[in-house]
Amino acid sequence: PLPAPVSIPVYRHGAIRYCRARDLPYAARSVFAQWAFGRERPDIA
């Protein structure tokens, strides 16, 4: 059977909707890091 769908919480900082990379399953973090390389990230101190 297929694994359960992954759901990641969405946070807000003012008008910016963001997620945290650490909320991804461990196995998906490195793949996401490669996929998202060079993409803009929100500036939240």
All heavy atoms as atom14 arrays in JSON, in Angstrom:
{
  "sequence": "PLPAPVSIPVYRHGAIRYCRARDLPYAARSVFAQWAFGRERPDIA",
  "atom14_mask": [
    [1, 1, 1, 1, 1, 1, 1, 0, 0, 0, 0, 0, 0, 0],
    [1, 1, 1, 1, 1, 1, 1, 1, 0, 0, 0, 0, 0, 0],
    [1, 1, 1, 1, 1, 1, 1, 0, 0, 0, 0, 0, 0, 0],
    [1, 1, 1, 1, 1, 0, 0, 0, 0, 0, 0, 0, 0, 0],
    [1, 1, 1, 1, 1, 1, 1, 0, 0, 0, 0, 0, 0, 0],
    [1, 1, 1, 1, 1, 1, 1, 0, 0, 0, 0, 0, 0, 0],
    [1, 1, 1, 1, 1, 1, 0, 0, 0, 0, 0, 0, 0, 0],
    [1, 1, 1, 1, 1, 1, 1, 1, 0, 0, 0, 0, 0, 0],
    [1, 1, 1, 1, 1, 1, 1, 0, 0, 0, 0, 0, 0, 0],
    [1, 1, 1, 1, 1, 1, 1, 0, 0, 0, 0, 0, 0, 0],
    [1, 1, 1, 1, 1, 1, 1, 1, 1, 1, 1, 1, 0, 0],
    [1, 1, 1, 1, 1, 1, 1, 1, 1, 1, 1, 0, 0, 0],
    [1, 1, 1, 1, 1, 1, 1, 1, 1, 1, 0, 0, 0, 0],
    [1, 1, 1, 1, 0, 0, 0, 0, 0, 0, 0, 0, 0, 0],
    [1, 1, 1, 1, 1, 0, 0, 0, 0, 0, 0, 0, 0, 0],
    [1, 1, 1, 1, 1, 1, 1, 1, 0, 0, 0, 0, 0, 0],
    [1, 1, 1, 1, 1, 1, 1, 1, 1, 1, 1, 0, 0, 0],
    [1, 1, 1, 1, 1, 1, 1, 1, 1, 1, 1, 1, 0, 0],
    [1, 1, 1, 1, 1, 1, 0, 0, 0, 0, 0, 0, 0, 0],
    [1, 1, 1, 1, 1, 1, 1, 1, 1, 1, 1, 0, 0, 0],
    [1, 1, 1, 1, 1, 0, 0, 0, 0, 0, 0, 0, 0, 0],
    [1, 1, 1, 1, 1, 1, 1, 1, 1, 1, 1, 0, 0, 0],
    [1, 1, 1, 1, 1, 1, 1, 1, 0, 0, 0, 0, 0, 0],
    [1, 1, 1, 1, 1, 1, 1, 1, 0, 0, 0, 0, 0, 0],
    [1, 1, 1, 1, 1, 1, 1, 0, 0, 0, 0, 0, 0, 0],
    [1, 1, 1, 1, 1, 1, 1, 1, 1, 1, 1, 1, 0, 0],
    [1, 1, 1, 1, 1, 0, 0, 0, 0, 0, 0, 0, 0, 0],
    [1, 1, 1, 1, 1, 0, 0, 0, 0, 0, 0, 0, 0, 0],
    [1, 1, 1, 1, 1, 1, 1, 1, 1, 1, 1, 0, 0, 0],
    [1, 1, 1, 1, 1, 1, 0, 0, 0, 0, 0, 0, 0, 0],
    [1, 1, 1, 1, 1, 1, 1, 0, 0, 0, 0, 0, 0, 0],
    [1, 1, 1, 1, 1, 1, 1, 1, 1, 1, 1, 0, 0, 0],
    [1, 1, 1, 1, 1, 0, 0, 0, 0, 0, 0, 0, 0, 0],
    [1, 1, 1, 1, 1, 1, 1, 1, 1, 0, 0, 0, 0, 0],
    [1, 1, 1, 1, 1, 1, 1, 1, 1, 1, 1, 1, 1, 1],
    [1, 1, 1, 1, 1, 0, 0, 0, 0, 0, 0, 0, 0, 0],
    [1, 1, 1, 1, 1, 1, 1, 1, 1, 1, 1, 0, 0, 0],
    [1, 1, 1, 1, 0, 0, 0, 0, 0, 0, 0, 0, 0, 0],
    [1, 1, 1, 1, 1, 1, 1, 1, 1, 1, 1, 0, 0, 0],
    [1, 1, 1, 1, 1, 1, 1, 1, 1, 0, 0, 0, 0, 0],
    [1, 1, 1, 1, 1, 1, 1, 1, 1, 1, 1, 0, 0, 0],
    [1, 1, 1, 1, 1, 1, 1, 0, 0, 0, 0, 0, 0, 0],
    [1, 1, 1, 1, 1, 1, 1, 1, 0, 0, 0, 0, 0, 0],
    [1, 1, 1, 1, 1, 1, 1, 1, 0, 0, 0, 0, 0, 0],
    [1, 1, 1, 1, 1, 0, 0, 0, 0, 0, 0, 0, 0, 0]
  ],
  "atom14_positions": [
    [[0.83, -1.21, 0.0], [0.0, 0.0, 0.0], [0.87, 1.26, 0.0], [2.0, 1.25, 0.48], [-0.79, -0.12, 1.31], [-0.03, -1.06, 2.15], [0.7, -1.97, 1.22], [0.0, 0.0, 0.0], [0.0, 0.0, 0.0], [0.0, 0.0, 0.0], [0.0, 0.0, 0.0], [0.0, 0.0, 0.0], [0.0, 0.0, 0.0], [0.0, 0.0, 0.0]],
    [[0.33, 2.31, -0.56], [1.04, 3.58, -0.58], [1.15, 4.15, 0.83], [0.25, 3.94, 1.66], [0.3, 4.58, -1.47], [0.27, 4.26, -2.95], [-0.62, 5.25, -3.69], [1.67, 4.3, -3.52], [0.0, 0.0, 0.0], [0.0, 0.0, 0.0], [0.0, 0.0, 0.0], [0.0, 0.0, 0.0], [0.0, 0.0, 0.0], [0.0, 0.0, 0.0]],
    [[2.22, 4.87, 1.11], [2.33, 5.48, 2.44], [1.28, 6.59, 2.6], [0.75, 7.11, 1.62], [3.74, 6.06, 2.45], [4.13, 6.19, 1.02], [3.37, 5.14, 0.27], [0.0, 0.0, 0.0], [0.0, 0.0, 0.0], [0.0, 0.0, 0.0], [0.0, 0.0, 0.0], [0.0, 0.0, 0.0], [0.0, 0.0, 0.0], [0.0, 0.0, 0.0]],
    [[1.02, 6.93, 3.83], [0.05, 7.99, 4.12], [0.57, 9.31, 3.56], [1.78, 9.56, 3.55], [-0.17, 8.1, 5.62], [0.0, 0.0, 0.0], [0.0, 0.0, 0.0], [0.0, 0.0, 0.0], [0.0, 0.0, 0.0], [0.0, 0.0, 0.0], [0.0, 0.0, 0.0], [0.0, 0.0, 0.0], [0.0, 0.0, 0.0], [0.0, 0.0, 0.0]],
    [[-0.33, 10.17, 3.1], [0.11, 11.47, 2.59], [0.8, 12.28, 3.69], [0.43, 12.2, 4.86], [-1.18, 12.15, 2.14], [-2.25, 11.15, 2.21], [-1.75, 9.99, 3.0], [0.0, 0.0, 0.0], [0.0, 0.0, 0.0], [0.0, 0.0, 0.0], [0.0, 0.0, 0.0], [0.0, 0.0, 0.0], [0.0, 0.0, 0.0], [0.0, 0.0, 0.0]],
    [[1.78, 13.05, 3.28], [2.52, 13.88, 4.23], [1.8, 15.21, 4.37], [1.45, 15.84, 3.36], [3.96, 14.12, 3.72], [4.72, 15.05, 4.64], [4.68, 12.79, 3.57], [0.0, 0.0, 0.0], [0.0, 0.0, 0.0], [0.0, 0.0, 0.0], [0.0, 0.0, 0.0], [0.0, 0.0, 0.0], [0.0, 0.0, 0.0], [0.0, 0.0, 0.0]],
    [[1.56, 15.63, 5.59], [0.97, 16.95, 5.81], [1.92, 17.75, 6.7], [2.39, 17.26, 7.72], [-0.41, 16.84, 6.45], [-0.31, 16.28, 7.73], [0.0, 0.0, 0.0], [0.0, 0.0, 0.0], [0.0, 0.0, 0.0], [0.0, 0.0, 0.0], [0.0, 0.0, 0.0], [0.0, 0.0, 0.0], [0.0, 0.0, 0.0], [0.0, 0.0, 0.0]],
    [[2.22, 18.93, 6.26], [3.18, 19.8, 6.94], [2.41, 21.01, 7.46], [1.64, 21.62, 6.72], [4.28, 20.25, 5.95], [4.97, 19.06, 5.31], [5.29, 21.15, 6.63], [5.71, 18.17, 6.25], [0.0, 0.0, 0.0], [0.0, 0.0, 0.0], [0.0, 0.0, 0.0], [0.0, 0.0, 0.0], [0.0, 0.0, 0.0], [0.0, 0.0, 0.0]],
    [[2.63, 21.39, 8.72], [1.94, 22.58, 9.23], [2.42, 23.85, 8.52], [3.58, 23.96, 8.15], [2.3, 22.61, 10.71], [3.47, 21.71, 10.87], [3.45, 20.75, 9.73], [0.0, 0.0, 0.0], [0.0, 0.0, 0.0], [0.0, 0.0, 0.0], [0.0, 0.0, 0.0], [0.0, 0.0, 0.0], [0.0, 0.0, 0.0], [0.0, 0.0, 0.0]],
    [[1.48, 24.76, 8.34], [1.79, 26.06, 7.72], [1.73, 27.11, 8.8], [0.75, 27.2, 9.55], [0.8, 26.38, 6.58], [1.08, 27.75, 5.99], [0.87, 25.31, 5.5], [0.0, 0.0, 0.0], [0.0, 0.0, 0.0], [0.0, 0.0, 0.0], [0.0, 0.0, 0.0], [0.0, 0.0, 0.0], [0.0, 0.0, 0.0], [0.0, 0.0, 0.0]],
    [[2.78, 27.91, 8.91], [2.88, 28.96, 9.9], [2.69, 30.31, 9.22], [2.78, 30.43, 8.01], [4.25, 28.93, 10.59], [4.6, 27.59, 11.19], [5.4, 26.68, 10.5], [4.13, 27.22, 12.44], [5.73, 25.45, 11.05], [4.46, 25.99, 13.0], [5.26, 25.12, 12.29], [5.57, 23.9, 12.84], [0.0, 0.0, 0.0], [0.0, 0.0, 0.0]],
    [[2.45, 31.34, 10.04], [2.3, 32.7, 9.52], [3.23, 33.63, 10.29], [3.36, 33.54, 11.5], [0.87, 33.2, 9.67], [-0.08, 32.58, 8.7], [-1.39, 33.38, 8.68], [-2.24, 32.93, 7.61], [-2.16, 33.37, 6.37], [-1.29, 34.28, 6.04], [-2.97, 32.91, 5.44], [0.0, 0.0, 0.0], [0.0, 0.0, 0.0], [0.0, 0.0, 0.0]],
    [[3.84, 34.52, 9.56], [4.63, 35.62, 10.14], [4.18, 36.87, 9.39], [4.64, 37.14, 8.29], [6.12, 35.36, 9.95], [6.98, 36.43, 10.54], [7.22, 36.53, 11.89], [7.64, 37.47, 9.96], [8.0, 37.55, 12.12], [8.27, 38.14, 10.96], [0.0, 0.0, 0.0], [0.0, 0.0, 0.0], [0.0, 0.0, 0.0], [0.0, 0.0, 0.0]],
    [[3.26, 37.58, 9.98], [2.65, 38.71, 9.28], [1.84, 38.18, 8.1], [0.95, 37.35, 8.27], [0.0, 0.0, 0.0], [0.0, 0.0, 0.0], [0.0, 0.0, 0.0], [0.0, 0.0, 0.0], [0.0, 0.0, 0.0], [0.0, 0.0, 0.0], [0.0, 0.0, 0.0], [0.0, 0.0, 0.0], [0.0, 0.0, 0.0], [0.0, 0.0, 0.0]],
    [[2.18, 38.63, 6.91], [1.47, 38.18, 5.71], [2.17, 37.01, 5.03], [1.71, 36.52, 4.01], [1.34, 39.34, 4.74], [0.0, 0.0, 0.0], [0.0, 0.0, 0.0], [0.0, 0.0, 0.0], [0.0, 0.0, 0.0], [0.0, 0.0, 0.0], [0.0, 0.0, 0.0], [0.0, 0.0, 0.0], [0.0, 0.0, 0.0], [0.0, 0.0, 0.0]],
    [[3.28, 36.56, 5.6], [4.06, 35.5, 4.97], [3.61, 34.13, 5.5], [3.6, 33.9, 6.7], [5.57, 35.68, 5.26], [6.06, 37.02, 4.73], [6.37, 34.54, 4.65], [7.46, 37.36, 5.15], [0.0, 0.0, 0.0], [0.0, 0.0, 0.0], [0.0, 0.0, 0.0], [0.0, 0.0, 0.0], [0.0, 0.0, 0.0], [0.0, 0.0, 0.0]],
    [[3.24, 33.26, 4.58], [2.93, 31.87, 4.93], [4.18, 31.05, 4.68], [4.77, 31.12, 3.6], [1.78, 31.35, 4.06], [0.47, 32.07, 4.31], [-0.62, 31.58, 3.38], [-0.9, 30.19, 3.65], [-0.92, 29.21, 2.74], [-0.69, 29.49, 1.48], [-1.18, 27.98, 3.06], [0.0, 0.0, 0.0], [0.0, 0.0, 0.0], [0.0, 0.0, 0.0]],
    [[4.62, 30.3, 5.7], [5.84, 29.52, 5.54], [5.71, 28.18, 6.25], [4.82, 27.96, 7.06], [7.06, 30.3, 6.08], [7.09, 30.44, 7.58], [7.81, 29.54, 8.36], [6.42, 31.46, 8.23], [7.84, 29.66, 9.74], [6.44, 31.59, 9.6], [7.17, 30.69, 10.35], [7.2, 30.81, 11.72], [0.0, 0.0, 0.0], [0.0, 0.0, 0.0]],
    [[6.6, 27.29, 5.9], [6.73, 25.98, 6.56], [8.16, 25.86, 7.04], [9.03, 26.64, 6.65], [6.42, 24.85, 5.57], [4.74, 24.85, 4.95], [0.0, 0.0, 0.0], [0.0, 0.0, 0.0], [0.0, 0.0, 0.0], [0.0, 0.0, 0.0], [0.0, 0.0, 0.0], [0.0, 0.0, 0.0], [0.0, 0.0, 0.0], [0.0, 0.0, 0.0]],
    [[8.39, 24.87, 7.88], [9.75, 24.62, 8.34], [10.25, 23.33, 7.71], [9.54, 22.33, 7.67], [9.77, 24.51, 9.86], [9.29, 25.81, 10.51], [9.49, 25.77, 11.95], [10.93, 25.99, 12.19], [11.41, 26.38, 13.34], [10.62, 26.57, 14.36], [12.7, 26.55, 13.5], [0.0, 0.0, 0.0], [0.0, 0.0, 0.0], [0.0, 0.0, 0.0]],
    [[11.47, 23.35, 7.22], [12.05, 22.18, 6.58], [12.16, 21.01, 7.57], [12.04, 19.86, 7.17], [13.42, 22.51, 5.99], [0.0, 0.0, 0.0], [0.0, 0.0, 0.0], [0.0, 0.0, 0.0], [0.0, 0.0, 0.0], [0.0, 0.0, 0.0], [0.0, 0.0, 0.0], [0.0, 0.0, 0.0], [0.0, 0.0, 0.0], [0.0, 0.0, 0.0]],
    [[12.33, 21.3, 8.84], [12.45, 20.21, 9.83], [11.14, 19.46, 10.04], [11.13, 18.38, 10.61], [12.97, 20.75, 11.15], [11.96, 21.57, 11.91], [12.47, 21.98, 13.24], [11.44, 22.66, 14.0], [11.64, 23.21, 15.15], [12.82, 23.14, 15.71], [10.65, 23.81, 15.77], [0.0, 0.0, 0.0], [0.0, 0.0, 0.0], [0.0, 0.0, 0.0]],
    [[10.03, 20.02, 9.57], [8.74, 19.33, 9.68], [8.56, 18.25, 8.62], [7.65, 17.43, 8.71], [7.57, 20.32, 9.6], [7.48, 21.23, 10.82], [7.99, 20.82, 11.88], [6.91, 22.32, 10.7], [0.0, 0.0, 0.0], [0.0, 0.0, 0.0], [0.0, 0.0, 0.0], [0.0, 0.0, 0.0], [0.0, 0.0, 0.0], [0.0, 0.0, 0.0]],
    [[9.42, 18.25, 7.6], [9.38, 17.19, 6.59], [9.88, 15.88, 7.2], [10.7, 15.9, 8.12], [10.28, 17.55, 5.41], [9.76, 18.58, 4.44], [10.88, 19.02, 3.5], [8.61, 18.03, 3.64], [0.0, 0.0, 0.0], [0.0, 0.0, 0.0], [0.0, 0.0, 0.0], [0.0, 0.0, 0.0], [0.0, 0.0, 0.0], [0.0, 0.0, 0.0]],
    [[9.4, 14.75, 6.7], [9.97, 13.47, 7.16], [11.47, 13.45, 6.89], [11.96, 14.02, 5.91], [9.25, 12.41, 6.32], [8.02, 13.09, 5.84], [8.33, 14.55, 5.74], [0.0, 0.0, 0.0], [0.0, 0.0, 0.0], [0.0, 0.0, 0.0], [0.0, 0.0, 0.0], [0.0, 0.0, 0.0], [0.0, 0.0, 0.0], [0.0, 0.0, 0.0]],
    [[12.21, 12.78, 7.75], [13.67, 12.77, 7.68], [14.18, 12.36, 6.3], [15.1, 12.98, 5.76], [14.24, 11.85, 8.76], [15.74, 11.83, 8.79], [16.44, 12.89, 9.34], [16.46, 10.77, 8.24], [17.82, 12.91, 9.36], [17.83, 10.77, 8.25], [18.51, 11.84, 8.82], [19.87, 11.85, 8.82], [0.0, 0.0, 0.0], [0.0, 0.0, 0.0]],
    [[13.58, 11.34, 5.72], [14.04, 10.84, 4.42], [13.82, 11.85, 3.3], [14.52, 11.83, 2.29], [13.33, 9.53, 4.08], [0.0, 0.0, 0.0], [0.0, 0.0, 0.0], [0.0, 0.0, 0.0], [0.0, 0.0, 0.0], [0.0, 0.0, 0.0], [0.0, 0.0, 0.0], [0.0, 0.0, 0.0], [0.0, 0.0, 0.0], [0.0, 0.0, 0.0]],
    [[12.87, 12.75, 3.44], [12.55, 13.71, 2.38], [13.35, 15.01, 2.5], [13.39, 15.78, 1.56], [11.07, 14.03, 2.4], [0.0, 0.0, 0.0], [0.0, 0.0, 0.0], [0.0, 0.0, 0.0], [0.0, 0.0, 0.0], [0.0, 0.0, 0.0], [0.0, 0.0, 0.0], [0.0, 0.0, 0.0], [0.0, 0.0, 0.0], [0.0, 0.0, 0.0]],
    [[14.0, 15.23, 3.63], [14.69, 16.51, 3.83], [15.83, 16.74, 2.85], [15.96, 17.82, 2.29], [15.23, 16.59, 5.26], [14.15, 16.75, 6.28], [14.7, 16.83, 7.67], [13.63, 16.56, 8.62], [13.81, 16.29, 9.88], [15.04, 16.24, 10.37], [12.79, 16.06, 10.67], [0.0, 0.0, 0.0], [0.0, 0.0, 0.0], [0.0, 0.0, 0.0]],
    [[16.66, 15.75, 2.63], [17.8, 15.95, 1.72], [17.32, 16.09, 0.28], [17.87, 16.89, -0.49], [18.81, 14.81, 1.85], [18.22, 13.59, 1.48], [0.0, 0.0, 0.0], [0.0, 0.0, 0.0], [0.0, 0.0, 0.0], [0.0, 0.0, 0.0], [0.0, 0.0, 0.0], [0.0, 0.0, 0.0], [0.0, 0.0, 0.0], [0.0, 0.0, 0.0]],
    [[16.29, 15.35, -0.09], [15.73, 15.47, -1.44], [15.13, 16.86, -1.63], [15.31, 17.5, -2.66], [14.68, 14.37, -1.71], [14.05, 14.53, -3.08], [15.3, 13.0, -1.56], [0.0, 0.0, 0.0], [0.0, 0.0, 0.0], [0.0, 0.0, 0.0], [0.0, 0.0, 0.0], [0.0, 0.0, 0.0], [0.0, 0.0, 0.0], [0.0, 0.0, 0.0]],
    [[14.42, 17.34, -0.61], [13.84, 18.68, -0.69], [14.94, 19.73, -0.77], [14.83, 20.7, -1.53], [12.93, 18.97, 0.5], [12.39, 20.37, 0.49], [11.38, 20.71, -0.39], [12.91, 21.34, 1.33], [10.89, 22.02, -0.43], [12.43, 22.63, 1.3], [11.41, 22.97, 0.42], [0.0, 0.0, 0.0], [0.0, 0.0, 0.0], [0.0, 0.0, 0.0]],
    [[16.01, 19.56, -0.01], [17.11, 20.53, -0.03], [17.71, 20.63, -1.43], [18.01, 21.73, -1.91], [18.18, 20.13, 0.98], [0.0, 0.0, 0.0], [0.0, 0.0, 0.0], [0.0, 0.0, 0.0], [0.0, 0.0, 0.0], [0.0, 0.0, 0.0], [0.0, 0.0, 0.0], [0.0, 0.0, 0.0], [0.0, 0.0, 0.0], [0.0, 0.0, 0.0]],
    [[17.86, 19.51, -2.11], [18.36, 19.54, -3.49], [17.34, 20.18, -4.43], [17.69, 20.97, -5.31], [18.69, 18.13, -3.97], [19.87, 17.53, -3.28], [20.09, 16.08, -3.68], [19.25, 15.47, -4.34], [21.2, 15.52, -3.26], [0.0, 0.0, 0.0], [0.0, 0.0, 0.0], [0.0, 0.0, 0.0], [0.0, 0.0, 0.0], [0.0, 0.0, 0.0]],
    [[16.07, 19.83, -4.24], [15.0, 20.35, -5.1], [14.88, 21.87, -4.93], [14.66, 22.6, -5.9], [13.69, 19.67, -4.74], [12.52, 20.09, -5.56], [12.13, 19.57, -6.75], [11.59, 21.14, -5.24], [11.01, 20.21, -7.19], [10.65, 21.18, -6.29], [11.45, 22.02, -4.19], [9.6, 22.08, -6.31], [10.41, 22.93, -4.2], [9.5, 22.95, -5.25]],
    [[15.01, 22.35, -3.7], [14.79, 23.77, -3.41], [16.05, 24.61, -3.52], [16.01, 25.81, -3.24], [14.19, 23.91, -2.01], [0.0, 0.0, 0.0], [0.0, 0.0, 0.0], [0.0, 0.0, 0.0], [0.0, 0.0, 0.0], [0.0, 0.0, 0.0], [0.0, 0.0, 0.0], [0.0, 0.0, 0.0], [0.0, 0.0, 0.0], [0.0, 0.0, 0.0]],
    [[17.17, 24.02, -3.93], [18.42, 24.77, -4.02], [18.25, 25.97, -4.95], [17.77, 25.85, -6.07], [19.54, 23.87, -4.55], [20.86, 24.57, -4.62], [21.6, 24.79, -3.48], [21.36, 25.02, -5.84], [22.82, 25.44, -3.54], [22.57, 25.67, -5.91], [23.3, 25.88, -4.76], [0.0, 0.0, 0.0], [0.0, 0.0, 0.0], [0.0, 0.0, 0.0]],
    [[18.63, 27.14, -4.45], [18.54, 28.36, -5.25], [17.2, 29.05, -5.2], [17.05, 30.14, -5.75], [0.0, 0.0, 0.0], [0.0, 0.0, 0.0], [0.0, 0.0, 0.0], [0.0, 0.0, 0.0], [0.0, 0.0, 0.0], [0.0, 0.0, 0.0], [0.0, 0.0, 0.0], [0.0, 0.0, 0.0], [0.0, 0.0, 0.0], [0.0, 0.0, 0.0]],
    [[16.21, 28.45, -4.56], [14.89, 29.09, -4.46], [14.91, 30.15, -3.35], [15.64, 30.05, -2.39], [13.8, 28.07, -4.16], [13.51, 27.17, -5.34], [12.33, 26.28, -4.99], [11.96, 25.48, -6.12], [10.99, 25.78, -6.98], [10.28, 26.87, -6.81], [10.72, 25.0, -7.99], [0.0, 0.0, 0.0], [0.0, 0.0, 0.0], [0.0, 0.0, 0.0]],
    [[14.06, 31.13, -3.52], [13.92, 32.18, -2.53], [13.33, 31.62, -1.24], [12.46, 30.75, -1.27], [12.98, 33.26, -3.1], [12.67, 34.37, -2.15], [11.61, 35.31, -2.7], [11.26, 35.2, -3.88], [11.13, 36.14, -1.92], [0.0, 0.0, 0.0], [0.0, 0.0, 0.0], [0.0, 0.0, 0.0], [0.0, 0.0, 0.0], [0.0, 0.0, 0.0]],
    [[13.84, 32.11, -0.11], [13.32, 31.7, 1.2], [12.82, 32.93, 1.94], [13.36, 34.02, 1.77], [14.41, 31.02, 2.01], [14.81, 29.7, 1.41], [15.78, 28.99, 2.29], [15.96, 27.66, 1.77], [16.0, 26.58, 2.51], [15.89, 26.67, 3.81], [16.17, 25.39, 1.97], [0.0, 0.0, 0.0], [0.0, 0.0, 0.0], [0.0, 0.0, 0.0]],
    [[11.8, 32.75, 2.77], [11.31, 33.91, 3.53], [12.35, 34.37, 4.54], [13.1, 33.57, 5.1], [10.05, 33.38, 4.23], [10.07, 31.92, 4.09], [11.02, 31.56, 3.01], [0.0, 0.0, 0.0], [0.0, 0.0, 0.0], [0.0, 0.0, 0.0], [0.0, 0.0, 0.0], [0.0, 0.0, 0.0], [0.0, 0.0, 0.0], [0.0, 0.0, 0.0]],
    [[12.42, 35.67, 4.76], [13.39, 36.25, 5.69], [12.73, 36.42, 7.05], [12.14, 37.46, 7.36], [13.89, 37.59, 5.15], [15.01, 38.16, 6.0], [15.66, 37.39, 6.73], [15.22, 39.39, 5.93], [0.0, 0.0, 0.0], [0.0, 0.0, 0.0], [0.0, 0.0, 0.0], [0.0, 0.0, 0.0], [0.0, 0.0, 0.0], [0.0, 0.0, 0.0]],
    [[12.82, 35.37, 7.86], [12.26, 35.39, 9.21], [13.43, 35.12, 10.15], [14.0, 34.02, 10.16], [11.15, 34.34, 9.38], [10.05, 34.6, 8.34], [10.59, 34.36, 10.79], [9.01, 33.53, 8.26], [0.0, 0.0, 0.0], [0.0, 0.0, 0.0], [0.0, 0.0, 0.0], [0.0, 0.0, 0.0], [0.0, 0.0, 0.0], [0.0, 0.0, 0.0]],
    [[13.8, 36.12, 10.94], [15.03, 36.07, 11.74], [15.05, 34.89, 12.71], [16.07, 34.22, 12.85], [15.2, 37.38, 12.5], [0.0, 0.0, 0.0], [0.0, 0.0, 0.0], [0.0, 0.0, 0.0], [0.0, 0.0, 0.0], [0.0, 0.0, 0.0], [0.0, 0.0, 0.0], [0.0, 0.0, 0.0], [0.0, 0.0, 0.0], [0.0, 0.0, 0.0]]
  ]
}
